[in-house]
Amino acid sequence: MTPSFESFILPYLLCLKDGKEHTMSELTQFCANFLNLSDADREERTKNGSSTKLYDRTQWSGTYLRKALLVESPERGIYKITQRGLSLLETNPTVINKKILSQYPEFLEFTATKPITQKPCLTKEIRNNTVAVLSTNKTPNEIMDDAYNEISESLIDDLLNAIKKQTPQFFERLVIKLLVAMGYGGSFKDAARVTQYSHDEGIDGIIKEDKLGLDSVYIQAKRYDNGTIGRKEIQSFVGALSGKGATKGIFLTTSAYTKEAIEYTPAPNIKIILIDGKQLCKYMIEYNIGVSTRQVYEIKRIDSDFFEEE
């Protein structure tokens, strides 16, 4: 497992101790070797998959060191230690973290949520604004990822509770809307017309696998307030598929599946997809069913090509 990003700050500065200019690649390699990262650690991705944790944490370590004026960048992609940075290393620190960096006014100004108008004195209000940033060992990207995941989990719970308050008929219509949004069944009108006549023998709906209708997918949708779906219900659904000569089915529920239901394996020619309440809500969020966008944050980075000499 890749260490927290604060673990990268000391080796980052040590790499620059020779006073020479170094590239990001050299810094990343030095940090990886200093921390004895395995090959798997070096390839571990961030939550959003945009980069490796090794690169992301090395990069943010450099950002924090530059904001504290311990490191400078004389030109794009090149980094060098400052006299302040050398002075810090002369104290032989065993670790450099945000608490240590907070001794520098420039770093506190960077972490504050409000601009500092009085220098060098930092007001109590500004210091308090830095507490949240200084009390975590995660990068800003990781903090935002965690916040996004927390908001998403809360939304999933809210969606699930809202669905459970609706009628079974509403739930079936919701399922059809979702599957159509995912690319099944052509239009909602076509899909809804088909399902009106399919409530028999354990089948709640039939939808075209694609817009051309080359194959059909059979659906069972169960809105449960409590309890779980067991193997018996899945076997019954498989039996209904066999009776129709069908080979593909989707079982959706607002509850969860037992271990036996998940591990149940139907005949080789029958493919069943199980979607529980949480996964259902994740799909709803992904395909904008029953939700709306409240706020959008764009995280931008410098466009290096823009600054290239022509």
Foldseek 3Di string as FASTA:
>chain_A
DADFLQLLLVQLLVLQLVQDKDFLVSSLVSSCVVVVPDPCQQQDADPVRPGHPSSVSNVLSVVLCVLLVQKDAPDPRIIHGDPVVNVVCVVVDPGDALVNSVVRQSSLQVQFPDHAPDPPDDDPVRNVRNCVVRVDRHGPVNVVVVVVVVVLVVQLVVVLVVVLVDDPVVQVLLVLVLVVLVAKAADSVRQVVQQVPPPPQLFRGKIARHNVSPAIETEDEEEDPDDAAELVSVVSNVVSCVVVVHAHYEYEYSAYYDPRNVPDDDPPSHDYHYYYNSNVSVSCVVSVPPDDDDDDDDDDDDDVVVPDDD
